[in-house]
Amino acid sequence: MMPGADMSCPHERDVLDLVAIGQWPARADAALRTHAAGCGICAEVAAVAVAVREWADDPRPVKVPDAAVVWYRAQVRAKEEAARRASRPLLAAQLVALAAVILAVVTIGPSAEWYLALLPDLSLPALSLPTVHIPAVSTWSWLAWGTVAAVATLLLAGGLAWILAED
């Protein structure tokens, strides 16, 4: 149809009335059924009205949750998101702390011969590795003390970030 053309049909009201009482197309006379089959407006009105009627007659009620439930779920979701955001730097801090612990163990830990003794069946060419002796705590280097301080700081910062994310 052309824009602005009349978009109504004189039989439209008859089709709607029969759909409203649930009698379309059973109670419609043959002339109205024939007209609705050929008229685009009446066919569309009948199809939409029948669909709306079936939807309205659906026995399953729509269950809308209580506002308190919606509010509680939103609060839980917000806390979970805050925990996810806080856990990212926490994971980074834990990885850095793990690397620092490994560095500290290698730096102030057993000698290279001890590490090679863990692999007795490994045939390696003779290596001239420097011997690292475990020094007394009072003679630790600034690197060892810095490593221990970094590990402690990162572990404390990670724990603090985790606690703050819980609230």
C-alpha atoms as a PDB file:
ATOM      1  CA  MET A   1       0.000   0.000   0.000  1.00  0.00           C
ATOM      2  CA  MET A   2       1.027   3.559  -0.473  1.00  0.00           C
ATOM      3  CA  PRO A   3       2.118   5.655   2.495  1.00  0.00           C
ATOM      4  CA  GLY A   4      -0.788   7.609   3.844  1.00  0.00           C
ATOM      5  CA  ALA A   5      -3.297   5.140   2.365  1.00  0.00           C
ATOM      6  CA  ASP A   6      -6.173   4.022   4.555  1.00  0.00           C
ATOM      7  CA  MET A   7      -4.906   1.166   6.780  1.00  0.00           C
ATOM      8  CA  SER A   8      -8.264  -0.066   8.015  1.00  0.00           C
ATOM      9  CA  CYS A   9     -10.868  -2.469   6.803  1.00  0.00           C
ATOM     10  CA  PRO A  10     -14.582  -2.399   7.588  1.00  0.00           C
ATOM     11  CA  HIS A  11     -14.446  -6.083   8.622  1.00  0.00           C
ATOM     12  CA  GLU A  12     -11.510  -5.599  11.026  1.00  0.00           C
ATOM     13  CA  ARG A  13     -13.800  -5.018  14.028  1.00  0.00           C
ATOM     14  CA  ASP A  14     -15.770  -8.226  13.274  1.00  0.00           C
ATOM     15  CA  VAL A  15     -12.557 -10.276  13.242  1.00  0.00           C
ATOM     16  CA  LEU A  16     -11.385  -8.690  16.517  1.00  0.00           C
ATOM     17  CA  ASP A  17     -14.729  -9.343  18.211  1.00  0.00           C
ATOM     18  CA  LEU A  18     -14.630 -13.040  17.304  1.00  0.00           C
ATOM     19  CA  VAL A  19     -11.025 -13.365  18.492  1.00  0.00           C
ATOM     20  CA  ALA A  20     -11.892 -11.593  21.769  1.00  0.00           C
ATOM     21  CA  ILE A  21     -14.570 -14.162  22.629  1.00  0.00           C
ATOM     22  CA  GLY A  22     -12.372 -17.045  21.470  1.00  0.00           C
ATOM     23  CA  GLN A  23     -14.567 -18.007  18.525  1.00  0.00           C
ATOM     24  CA  TRP A  24     -12.267 -17.177  15.572  1.00  0.00           C
ATOM     25  CA  PRO A  25     -12.587 -18.773  12.981  1.00  0.00           C
ATOM     26  CA  ALA A  26     -15.171 -21.312  14.233  1.00  0.00           C
ATOM     27  CA  ARG A  27     -18.092 -18.865  14.524  1.00  0.00           C
ATOM     28  CA  ALA A  28     -17.137 -16.680  11.579  1.00  0.00           C
ATOM     29  CA  ASP A  29     -19.359 -17.050   8.568  1.00  0.00           C
ATOM     30  CA  ALA A  30     -17.895 -18.234   5.286  1.00  0.00           C
ATOM     31  CA  ALA A  31     -17.898 -14.733   3.775  1.00  0.00           C
ATOM     32  CA  LEU A  32     -15.841 -13.281   6.667  1.00  0.00           C
ATOM     33  CA  ARG A  33     -13.373 -16.201   6.565  1.00  0.00           C
ATOM     34  CA  THR A  34     -12.967 -15.757   2.808  1.00  0.00           C
ATOM     35  CA  HIS A  35     -12.519 -12.012   3.214  1.00  0.00           C
ATOM     36  CA  ALA A  36      -9.902 -12.469   6.005  1.00  0.00           C
ATOM     37  CA  ALA A  37      -7.984 -14.941   3.844  1.00  0.00           C
ATOM     38  CA  GLY A  38      -7.766 -12.405   1.017  1.00  0.00           C
ATOM     39  CA  CYS A  39      -7.477  -9.159   2.990  1.00  0.00           C
ATOM     40  CA  GLY A  40      -3.970  -8.484   4.296  1.00  0.00           C
ATOM     41  CA  ILE A  41      -5.209  -6.208   7.090  1.00  0.00           C
ATOM     42  CA  CYS A  42      -7.781  -8.671   8.436  1.00  0.00           C
ATOM     43  CA  ALA A  43      -5.378 -11.623   8.123  1.00  0.00           C
ATOM     44  CA  GLU A  44      -2.728  -9.729  10.079  1.00  0.00           C
ATOM     45  CA  VAL A  45      -5.225  -8.558  12.712  1.00  0.00           C
ATOM     46  CA  ALA A  46      -6.481 -12.129  13.150  1.00  0.00           C
ATOM     47  CA  ALA A  47      -2.965 -13.580  13.440  1.00  0.00           C
ATOM     48  CA  VAL A  48      -1.786 -10.972  15.958  1.00  0.00           C
ATOM     49  CA  ALA A  49      -4.991 -11.042  17.991  1.00  0.00           C
ATOM     50  CA  VAL A  50      -4.959 -14.855  18.199  1.00  0.00           C
ATOM     51  CA  ALA A  51      -1.312 -14.800  19.316  1.00  0.00           C
ATOM     52  CA  VAL A  52      -2.044 -12.177  21.980  1.00  0.00           C
ATOM     53  CA  ARG A  53      -5.061 -14.123  23.186  1.00  0.00           C
ATOM     54  CA  GLU A  54      -3.055 -17.339  23.448  1.00  0.00           C
ATOM     55  CA  TRP A  55      -0.336 -15.494  25.329  1.00  0.00           C
ATOM     56  CA  ALA A  56      -2.891 -13.993  27.721  1.00  0.00           C
ATOM     57  CA  ASP A  57      -4.509 -17.406  28.279  1.00  0.00           C
ATOM     58  CA  ASP A  58      -1.156 -19.035  29.105  1.00  0.00           C
ATOM     59  CA  PRO A  59      -1.628 -20.733  32.500  1.00  0.00           C
ATOM     60  CA  ARG A  60       2.008 -20.235  33.505  1.00  0.00           C
ATOM     61  CA  PRO A  61       2.184 -17.013  35.452  1.00  0.00           C
ATOM     62  CA  VAL A  62       5.142 -14.741  35.051  1.00  0.00           C
ATOM     63  CA  LYS A  63       7.236 -14.943  38.203  1.00  0.00           C
ATOM     64  CA  VAL A  64       8.815 -11.634  39.110  1.00  0.00           C
ATOM     65  CA  PRO A  65      11.199 -11.931  42.045  1.00  0.00           C
ATOM     66  CA  ASP A  66      10.734  -9.824  45.122  1.00  0.00           C
ATOM     67  CA  ALA A  67      12.652  -6.541  45.205  1.00  0.00           C
ATOM     68  CA  ALA A  68      14.639  -7.731  48.233  1.00  0.00           C
ATOM     69  CA  VAL A  69      15.860 -10.761  46.269  1.00  0.00           C
ATOM     70  CA  VAL A  70      16.895  -8.577  43.342  1.00  0.00           C
ATOM     71  CA  TRP A  71      18.714  -6.202  45.703  1.00  0.00           C
ATOM     72  CA  TYR A  72      20.490  -9.091  47.475  1.00  0.00           C
ATOM     73  CA  ARG A  73      21.634 -10.617  44.169  1.00  0.00           C
ATOM     74  CA  ALA A  74      22.942  -7.233  43.018  1.00  0.00           C
ATOM     75  CA  GLN A  75      24.916  -6.864  46.247  1.00  0.00           C
ATOM     76  CA  VAL A  76      26.388 -10.357  45.895  1.00  0.00           C
ATOM     77  CA  ARG A  77      27.312  -9.662  42.271  1.00  0.00           C
ATOM     78  CA  ALA A  78      28.977  -6.369  43.242  1.00  0.00           C
ATOM     79  CA  LYS A  79      31.031  -8.087  45.973  1.00  0.00           C
ATOM     80  CA  GLU A  80      32.116 -10.827  43.578  1.00  0.00           C
ATOM     81  CA  GLU A  81      33.211  -8.227  41.032  1.00  0.00           C
ATOM     82  CA  ALA A  82      35.146  -6.302  43.697  1.00  0.00           C
ATOM     83  CA  ALA A  83      36.870  -9.518  44.751  1.00  0.00           C
ATOM     84  CA  ARG A  84      37.809 -10.247  41.130  1.00  0.00           C
ATOM     85  CA  ARG A  85      39.216  -6.738  40.699  1.00  0.00           C
ATOM     86  CA  ALA A  86      41.185  -6.998  43.939  1.00  0.00           C
ATOM     87  CA  SER A  87      42.510 -10.463  43.162  1.00  0.00           C
ATOM     88  CA  ARG A  88      44.336  -9.335  40.020  1.00  0.00           C
ATOM     89  CA  PRO A  89      46.974  -7.268  41.850  1.00  0.00           C
ATOM     90  CA  LEU A  90      46.975  -9.882  44.603  1.00  0.00           C
ATOM     91  CA  LEU A  91      47.956 -12.561  42.108  1.00  0.00           C
ATOM     92  CA  ALA A  92      50.682 -10.321  40.717  1.00  0.00           C
ATOM     93  CA  ALA A  93      51.983  -9.674  44.240  1.00  0.00           C
ATOM     94  CA  GLN A  94      51.998 -13.384  45.008  1.00  0.00           C
ATOM     95  CA  LEU A  95      53.915 -14.181  41.815  1.00  0.00           C
ATOM     96  CA  VAL A  96      56.495 -11.501  42.589  1.00  0.00           C
ATOM     97  CA  ALA A  97      56.760 -12.820  46.149  1.00  0.00           C
ATOM     98  CA  LEU A  98      57.291 -16.354  44.824  1.00  0.00           C
ATOM     99  CA  ALA A  99      60.030 -15.117  42.510  1.00  0.00           C
ATOM    100  CA  ALA A 100      61.626 -13.250  45.425  1.00  0.00           C
ATOM    101  CA  VAL A 101      61.542 -16.371  47.611  1.00  0.00           C
ATOM    102  CA  ILE A 102      63.168 -18.416  44.853  1.00  0.00           C
ATOM    103  CA  LEU A 103      65.802 -15.718  44.417  1.00  0.00           C
ATOM    104  CA  ALA A 104      66.420 -15.649  48.164  1.00  0.00           C
ATOM    105  CA  VAL A 105      66.777 -19.418  48.367  1.00  0.00           C
ATOM    106  CA  VAL A 106      69.199 -19.452  45.467  1.00  0.00           C
ATOM    107  CA  THR A 107      71.136 -16.462  46.809  1.00  0.00           C
ATOM    108  CA  ILE A 108      71.497 -17.453  50.453  1.00  0.00           C
ATOM    109  CA  GLY A 109      70.675 -21.123  50.155  1.00  0.00           C
ATOM    110  CA  PRO A 110      72.812 -24.199  49.633  1.00  0.00           C
ATOM    111  CA  SER A 111      75.860 -24.314  47.418  1.00  0.00           C
ATOM    112  CA  ALA A 112      75.813 -25.214  43.737  1.00  0.00           C
ATOM    113  CA  GLU A 113      77.174 -28.690  44.540  1.00  0.00           C
ATOM    114  CA  TRP A 114      74.087 -29.355  46.644  1.00  0.00           C
ATOM    115  CA  TYR A 115      71.824 -28.538  43.683  1.00  0.00           C
ATOM    116  CA  LEU A 116      73.905 -30.795  41.426  1.00  0.00           C
ATOM    117  CA  ALA A 117      73.699 -33.595  43.988  1.00  0.00           C
ATOM    118  CA  LEU A 118      69.939 -33.658  43.448  1.00  0.00           C
ATOM    119  CA  LEU A 119      70.588 -34.972  39.937  1.00  0.00           C
ATOM    120  CA  PRO A 120      72.917 -37.941  40.571  1.00  0.00           C
ATOM    121  CA  ASP A 121      72.347 -39.788  37.287  1.00  0.00           C
ATOM    122  CA  LEU A 122      72.688 -36.738  35.080  1.00  0.00           C
ATOM    123  CA  SER A 123      75.955 -36.964  33.180  1.00  0.00           C
ATOM    124  CA  LEU A 124      77.176 -33.419  32.766  1.00  0.00           C
ATOM    125  CA  PRO A 125      80.608 -32.294  31.752  1.00  0.00           C
ATOM    126  CA  ALA A 126      82.692 -31.034  34.595  1.00  0.00           C
ATOM    127  CA  LEU A 127      81.450 -27.629  35.609  1.00  0.00           C
ATOM    128  CA  SER A 128      83.445 -25.183  37.567  1.00  0.00           C
ATOM    129  CA  LEU A 129      80.707 -23.646  39.660  1.00  0.00           C
ATOM    130  CA  PRO A 130      81.502 -21.224  42.411  1.00  0.00           C
ATOM    131  CA  THR A 131      80.873 -22.511  45.880  1.00  0.00           C
ATOM    132  CA  VAL A 132      78.342 -20.534  47.824  1.00  0.00           C
ATOM    133  CA  HIS A 133      78.452 -21.097  51.534  1.00  0.00           C
ATOM    134  CA  ILE A 134      75.491 -20.362  53.755  1.00  0.00           C
ATOM    135  CA  PRO A 135      76.540 -17.327  55.737  1.00  0.00           C
ATOM    136  CA  ALA A 136      75.382 -16.526  59.211  1.00  0.00           C
ATOM    137  CA  VAL A 137      72.385 -14.218  59.474  1.00  0.00           C
ATOM    138  CA  SER A 138      74.579 -11.419  60.756  1.00  0.00           C
ATOM    139  CA  THR A 139      76.667 -11.488  57.573  1.00  0.00           C
ATOM    140  CA  TRP A 140      73.853 -11.466  55.042  1.00  0.00           C
ATOM    141  CA  SER A 141      74.370  -9.107  52.145  1.00  0.00           C
ATOM    142  CA  TRP A 142      72.143  -6.168  51.341  1.00  0.00           C
ATOM    143  CA  LEU A 143      70.657  -8.249  48.470  1.00  0.00           C
ATOM    144  CA  ALA A 144      69.584 -11.023  50.847  1.00  0.00           C
ATOM    145  CA  TRP A 145      68.054  -8.591  53.330  1.00  0.00           C
ATOM    146  CA  GLY A 146      66.363  -6.685  50.488  1.00  0.00           C
ATOM    147  CA  THR A 147      64.921  -9.915  49.121  1.00  0.00           C
ATOM    148  CA  VAL A 148      63.539 -10.919  52.517  1.00  0.00           C
ATOM    149  CA  ALA A 149      62.090  -7.424  53.009  1.00  0.00           C
ATOM    150  CA  ALA A 150      60.504  -7.485  49.532  1.00  0.00           C
ATOM    151  CA  VAL A 151      58.921 -10.882  50.158  1.00  0.00           C
ATOM    152  CA  ALA A 152      57.523  -9.785  53.509  1.00  0.00           C
ATOM    153  CA  THR A 153      56.188  -6.530  52.078  1.00  0.00           C
ATOM    154  CA  LEU A 154      54.515  -8.202  49.124  1.00  0.00           C
ATOM    155  CA  LEU A 155      52.928 -10.873  51.291  1.00  0.00           C
ATOM    156  CA  LEU A 156      51.572  -8.266  53.682  1.00  0.00           C
ATOM    157  CA  ALA A 157      50.325  -6.058  50.840  1.00  0.00           C
ATOM    158  CA  GLY A 158      48.637  -9.038  49.196  1.00  0.00           C
ATOM    159  CA  GLY A 159      46.928 -10.007  52.434  1.00  0.00           C
ATOM    160  CA  LEU A 160      45.785  -6.441  53.008  1.00  0.00           C
ATOM    161  CA  ALA A 161      44.385  -6.228  49.463  1.00  0.00           C
ATOM    162  CA  TRP A 162      42.487  -9.476  50.031  1.00  0.00           C
ATOM    163  CA  ILE A 163      41.003  -8.227  53.305  1.00  0.00           C
ATOM    164  CA  LEU A 164      39.920  -4.945  51.763  1.00  0.00           C
ATOM    165  CA  ALA A 165      38.297  -6.757  48.835  1.00  0.00           C
ATOM    166  CA  GLU A 166      36.078  -8.745  51.191  1.00  0.00           C
ATOM    167  CA  ASP A 167      34.217  -5.665  52.484  1.00  0.00           C
END
